[in-house]
């Protein structure tokens, strides 16, 4: 049982880079949406820390 299929385990970085550049609008939209969601989360959640200090002389 010999396979004649030629399989390559390499990654073409140039092809990967250009496929990402082709979808720059979608990437920018996702980044912008993530930033907006993070800012809304930070503005709406209450602070969960408290500081209490006692100085004894």
PDB file of N, CA and C in Angstrom:
ATOM      1  N   UNK A   1       0.830  -1.171   0.000  1.00  0.00           N
ATOM      2  CA  UNK A   1       0.000   0.000   0.000  1.00  0.00           C
ATOM      3  C   UNK A   1       0.877   1.238   0.000  1.00  0.00           C
ATOM      4  N   UNK A   2       1.187   1.718  -1.114  1.00  0.00           N
ATOM      5  CA  UNK A   2       1.985   2.927  -1.172  1.00  0.00           C
ATOM      6  C   UNK A   2       1.109   4.076  -1.647  1.00  0.00           C
ATOM      7  N   UNK A   3       1.328   5.223  -1.012  1.00  0.00           N
ATOM      8  CA  UNK A   3       0.564   6.402  -1.385  1.00  0.00           C
ATOM      9  C   UNK A   3       1.410   7.247  -2.316  1.00  0.00           C
ATOM     10  N   UNK A   4       0.802   7.702  -3.375  1.00  0.00           N
ATOM     11  CA  UNK A   4       1.534   8.524  -4.329  1.00  0.00           C
ATOM     12  C   UNK A   4       1.225  10.006  -4.149  1.00  0.00           C
ATOM     13  N   UNK A   5       0.427  10.340  -3.139  1.00  0.00           N
ATOM     14  CA  UNK A   5       0.089  11.740  -2.911  1.00  0.00           C
ATOM     15  C   UNK A   5       1.288  12.463  -2.315  1.00  0.00           C
ATOM     16  N   UNK A   6       1.548  13.633  -2.839  1.00  0.00           N
ATOM     17  CA  UNK A   6       2.663  14.433  -2.373  1.00  0.00           C
ATOM     18  C   UNK A   6       2.156  15.382  -1.287  1.00  0.00           C
ATOM     19  N   UNK A   7       2.552  15.110  -0.045  1.00  0.00           N
ATOM     20  CA  UNK A   7       2.107  15.970   1.051  1.00  0.00           C
ATOM     21  C   UNK A   7       3.291  16.775   1.555  1.00  0.00           C
ATOM     22  N   UNK A   8       3.036  18.043   1.743  1.00  0.00           N
ATOM     23  CA  UNK A   8       4.077  18.932   2.240  1.00  0.00           C
ATOM     24  C   UNK A   8       3.663  19.464   3.602  1.00  0.00           C
ATOM     25  N   UNK A   9       4.607  19.526   4.516  1.00  0.00           N
ATOM     26  CA  UNK A   9       4.343  20.031   5.851  1.00  0.00           C
ATOM     27  C   UNK A   9       4.959  21.415   6.044  1.00  0.00           C
ATOM     28  N   UNK A  10       4.946  22.213   5.016  1.00  0.00           N
ATOM     29  CA  UNK A  10       5.511  23.555   5.118  1.00  0.00           C
ATOM     30  C   UNK A  10       4.388  24.587   5.045  1.00  0.00           C
ATOM     31  N   UNK A  11       4.672  25.744   5.579  1.00  0.00           N
ATOM     32  CA  UNK A  11       3.717  26.844   5.571  1.00  0.00           C
ATOM     33  C   UNK A  11       4.289  27.953   4.695  1.00  0.00           C
ATOM     34  N   UNK A  12       3.514  28.377   3.736  1.00  0.00           N
ATOM     35  CA  UNK A  12       3.933  29.473   2.870  1.00  0.00           C
ATOM     36  C   UNK A  12       3.536  30.783   3.544  1.00  0.00           C
ATOM     37  N   UNK A  13       4.510  31.461   4.120  1.00  0.00           N
ATOM     38  CA  UNK A  13       4.225  32.677   4.875  1.00  0.00           C
ATOM     39  C   UNK A  13       3.736  33.816   3.991  1.00  0.00           C
ATOM     40  N   UNK A  14       4.228  33.872   2.785  1.00  0.00           N
ATOM     41  CA  UNK A  14       3.794  34.929   1.865  1.00  0.00           C
ATOM     42  C   UNK A  14       2.314  34.768   1.540  1.00  0.00           C
ATOM     43  N   UNK A  15       1.891  33.551   1.294  1.00  0.00           N
ATOM     44  CA  UNK A  15       0.483  33.289   0.995  1.00  0.00           C
ATOM     45  C   UNK A  15      -0.393  33.592   2.216  1.00  0.00           C
ATOM     46  N   UNK A  16       0.070  33.235   3.390  1.00  0.00           N
ATOM     47  CA  UNK A  16      -0.671  33.514   4.616  1.00  0.00           C
ATOM     48  C   UNK A  16      -0.787  35.018   4.853  1.00  0.00           C
ATOM     49  N   UNK A  17       0.306  35.746   4.646  1.00  0.00           N
ATOM     50  CA  UNK A  17       0.302  37.197   4.830  1.00  0.00           C
ATOM     51  C   UNK A  17      -0.675  37.871   3.872  1.00  0.00           C
ATOM     52  N   UNK A  18      -0.661  37.492   2.613  1.00  0.00           N
ATOM     53  CA  UNK A  18      -1.549  38.128   1.638  1.00  0.00           C
ATOM     54  C   UNK A  18      -3.006  37.758   1.865  1.00  0.00           C
ATOM     55  N   UNK A  19      -3.267  36.571   2.393  1.00  0.00           N
ATOM     56  CA  UNK A  19      -4.651  36.222   2.703  1.00  0.00           C
ATOM     57  C   UNK A  19      -5.156  37.028   3.895  1.00  0.00           C
ATOM     58  N   UNK A  20      -4.267  37.359   4.832  1.00  0.00           N
ATOM     59  CA  UNK A  20      -4.669  38.220   5.937  1.00  0.00           C
ATOM     60  C   UNK A  20      -4.875  39.655   5.481  1.00  0.00           C
ATOM     61  N   UNK A  21      -4.005  40.139   4.631  1.00  0.00           N
ATOM     62  CA  UNK A  21      -4.133  41.511   4.105  1.00  0.00           C
ATOM     63  C   UNK A  21      -5.421  41.660   3.303  1.00  0.00           C
ATOM     64  N   UNK A  22      -5.823  40.612   2.617  1.00  0.00           N
ATOM     65  CA  UNK A  22      -7.042  40.681   1.816  1.00  0.00           C
ATOM     66  C   UNK A  22      -8.276  40.860   2.697  1.00  0.00           C
ATOM     67  N   UNK A  23      -8.205  40.424   3.948  1.00  0.00           N
ATOM     68  CA  UNK A  23      -9.339  40.521   4.863  1.00  0.00           C
ATOM     69  C   UNK A  23      -9.116  41.598   5.934  1.00  0.00           C
ATOM     70  N   UNK A  24      -8.417  42.665   5.604  1.00  0.00           N
ATOM     71  CA  UNK A  24      -8.073  43.675   6.597  1.00  0.00           C
ATOM     72  C   UNK A  24      -9.291  44.384   7.154  1.00  0.00           C
ATOM     73  N   UNK A  25     -10.335  44.519   6.359  1.00  0.00           N
ATOM     74  CA  UNK A  25     -11.541  45.186   6.842  1.00  0.00           C
ATOM     75  C   UNK A  25     -12.221  44.369   7.936  1.00  0.00           C
ATOM     76  N   UNK A  26     -12.280  43.065   7.748  1.00  0.00           N
ATOM     77  CA  UNK A  26     -12.891  42.192   8.748  1.00  0.00           C
ATOM     78  C   UNK A  26     -12.054  42.171  10.026  1.00  0.00           C
ATOM     79  N   UNK A  27     -10.746  42.162   9.903  1.00  0.00           N
ATOM     80  CA  UNK A  27      -9.858  42.168  11.071  1.00  0.00           C
ATOM     81  C   UNK A  27     -10.011  43.475  11.830  1.00  0.00           C
ATOM     82  N   UNK A  28     -10.047  44.593  11.121  1.00  0.00           N
ATOM     83  CA  UNK A  28     -10.207  45.899  11.768  1.00  0.00           C
ATOM     84  C   UNK A  28     -11.564  45.997  12.460  1.00  0.00           C
ATOM     85  N   UNK A  29     -12.605  45.471  11.849  1.00  0.00           N
ATOM     86  CA  UNK A  29     -13.937  45.488  12.449  1.00  0.00           C
ATOM     87  C   UNK A  29     -13.967  44.668  13.736  1.00  0.00           C
ATOM     88  N   UNK A  30     -13.350  43.507  13.728  1.00  0.00           N
ATOM     89  CA  UNK A  30     -13.313  42.656  14.926  1.00  0.00           C
ATOM     90  C   UNK A  30     -12.521  43.308  16.049  1.00  0.00           C
ATOM     91  N   UNK A  31     -11.408  43.939  15.723  1.00  0.00           N
ATOM     92  CA  UNK A  31     -10.602  44.621  16.742  1.00  0.00           C
ATOM     93  C   UNK A  31     -11.389  45.789  17.328  1.00  0.00           C
ATOM     94  N   UNK A  32     -12.018  46.568  16.490  1.00  0.00           N
ATOM     95  CA  UNK A  32     -12.802  47.709  16.955  1.00  0.00           C
ATOM     96  C   UNK A  32     -13.975  47.263  17.819  1.00  0.00           C
ATOM     97  N   UNK A  33     -14.666  46.227  17.411  1.00  0.00           N
ATOM     98  CA  UNK A  33     -15.786  45.699  18.186  1.00  0.00           C
ATOM     99  C   UNK A  33     -15.314  45.168  19.537  1.00  0.00           C
ATOM    100  N   UNK A  34     -14.167  44.530  19.575  1.00  0.00           N
ATOM    101  CA  UNK A  34     -13.622  44.021  20.836  1.00  0.00           C
ATOM    102  C   UNK A  34     -13.266  45.154  21.783  1.00  0.00           C
ATOM    103  N   UNK A  35     -12.686  46.217  21.247  1.00  0.00           N
ATOM    104  CA  UNK A  35     -12.331  47.366  22.084  1.00  0.00           C
ATOM    105  C   UNK A  35     -13.583  48.035  22.642  1.00  0.00           C
ATOM    106  N   UNK A  36     -14.609  48.181  21.829  1.00  0.00           N
ATOM    107  CA  UNK A  36     -15.859  48.787  22.291  1.00  0.00           C
ATOM    108  C   UNK A  36     -16.501  47.927  23.376  1.00  0.00           C
ATOM    109  N   UNK A  37     -16.521  46.622  23.185  1.00  0.00           N
ATOM    110  CA  UNK A  37     -17.099  45.726  24.192  1.00  0.00           C
ATOM    111  C   UNK A  37     -16.304  45.772  25.492  1.00  0.00           C
ATOM    112  N   UNK A  38     -14.995  45.835  25.404  1.00  0.00           N
ATOM    113  CA  UNK A  38     -14.159  45.907  26.604  1.00  0.00           C
ATOM    114  C   UNK A  38     -14.403  47.211  27.351  1.00  0.00           C
ATOM    115  N   UNK A  39     -14.509  48.325  26.634  1.00  0.00           N
ATOM    116  CA  UNK A  39     -14.762  49.605  27.288  1.00  0.00           C
ATOM    117  C   UNK A  39     -16.140  49.647  27.944  1.00  0.00           C
ATOM    118  N   UNK A  40     -17.146  49.087  27.273  1.00  0.00           N
ATOM    119  CA  UNK A  40     -18.485  49.031  27.869  1.00  0.00           C
ATOM    120  C   UNK A  40     -18.491  48.162  29.117  1.00  0.00           C
ATOM    121  N   UNK A  41     -17.786  47.064  29.088  1.00  0.00           N
ATOM    122  CA  UNK A  41     -17.698  46.186  30.251  1.00  0.00           C
ATOM    123  C   UNK A  41     -17.028  46.900  31.419  1.00  0.00           C
ATOM    124  N   UNK A  42     -15.952  47.603  31.147  1.00  0.00           N
ATOM    125  CA  UNK A  42     -15.243  48.309  32.212  1.00  0.00           C
ATOM    126  C   UNK A  42     -16.062  49.452  32.796  1.00  0.00           C
ATOM    127  N   UNK A  43     -16.896  50.090  31.979  1.00  0.00           N
ATOM    128  CA  UNK A  43     -17.703  51.211  32.460  1.00  0.00           C
ATOM    129  C   UNK A  43     -18.900  50.736  33.278  1.00  0.00           C
ATOM    130  N   UNK A  44     -19.429  49.549  32.996  1.00  0.00           N
ATOM    131  CA  UNK A  44     -20.666  49.103  33.646  1.00  0.00           C
ATOM    132  C   UNK A  44     -20.437  48.235  34.870  1.00  0.00           C
ATOM    133  N   UNK A  45     -19.320  47.566  34.987  1.00  0.00           N
ATOM    134  CA  UNK A  45     -19.091  46.711  36.146  1.00  0.00           C
ATOM    135  C   UNK A  45     -18.561  47.547  37.310  1.00  0.00           C
ATOM    136  N   UNK A  46     -19.037  47.244  38.499  1.00  0.00           N
ATOM    137  CA  UNK A  46     -18.548  48.011  39.669  1.00  0.00           C
ATOM    138  C   UNK A  46     -17.134  47.581  40.035  1.00  0.00           C
ATOM    139  N   UNK A  47     -16.433  48.492  40.689  1.00  0.00           N
ATOM    140  CA  UNK A  47     -15.089  48.170  41.161  1.00  0.00           C
ATOM    141  C   UNK A  47     -15.196  47.123  42.274  1.00  0.00           C
ATOM    142  N   UNK A  48     -14.330  46.143  42.264  1.00  0.00           N
ATOM    143  CA  UNK A  48     -14.426  45.051  43.232  1.00  0.00           C
ATOM    144  C   UNK A  48     -13.320  45.099  44.268  1.00  0.00           C
ATOM    145  N   UNK A  49     -12.593  46.179  44.324  1.00  0.00           N
ATOM    146  CA  UNK A  49     -11.514  46.275  45.290  1.00  0.00           C
ATOM    147  C   UNK A  49     -11.872  47.318  46.348  1.00  0.00           C
ATOM    148  N   UNK A  50     -11.312  47.120  47.527  1.00  0.00           N
ATOM    149  CA  UNK A  50     -11.517  48.079  48.613  1.00  0.00           C
ATOM    150  C   UNK A  50     -10.226  48.126  49.429  1.00  0.00           C
ATOM    151  N   UNK A  51      -9.925  49.316  49.921  1.00  0.00           N
ATOM    152  CA  UNK A  51      -8.715  49.502  50.703  1.00  0.00           C
ATOM    153  C   UNK A  51      -9.114  49.997  52.081  1.00  0.00           C
ATOM    154  N   UNK A  52      -8.557  49.372  53.091  1.00  0.00           N
ATOM    155  CA  UNK A  52      -8.808  49.792  54.468  1.00  0.00           C
ATOM    156  C   UNK A  52      -7.468  49.741  55.203  1.00  0.00           C
ATOM    157  N   UNK A  53      -7.086  50.859  55.766  1.00  0.00           N
ATOM    158  CA  UNK A  53      -5.792  50.929  56.453  1.00  0.00           C
ATOM    159  C   UNK A  53      -5.995  51.378  57.898  1.00  0.00           C
ATOM    160  N   UNK A  54      -5.235  50.803  58.768  1.00  0.00           N
ATOM    161  CA  UNK A  54      -5.266  51.172  60.164  1.00  0.00           C
ATOM    162  C   UNK A  54      -3.835  51.384  60.618  1.00  0.00           C
ATOM    163  N   UNK A  55      -3.552  52.597  61.087  1.00  0.00           N
ATOM    164  CA  UNK A  55      -2.207  52.929  61.548  1.00  0.00           C
ATOM    165  C   UNK A  55      -2.247  53.005  63.060  1.00  0.00           C
ATOM    166  N   UNK A  56      -1.408  52.234  63.706  1.00  0.00           N
ATOM    167  CA  UNK A  56      -1.375  52.209  65.158  1.00  0.00           C
ATOM    168  C   UNK A  56      -0.052  52.798  65.626  1.00  0.00           C
ATOM    169  N   UNK A  57      -0.127  53.793  66.477  1.00  0.00           N
ATOM    170  CA  UNK A  57       1.080  54.450  66.964  1.00  0.00           C
ATOM    171  C   UNK A  57       1.403  53.981  68.364  1.00  0.00           C
TER     172      UNK A  57
END
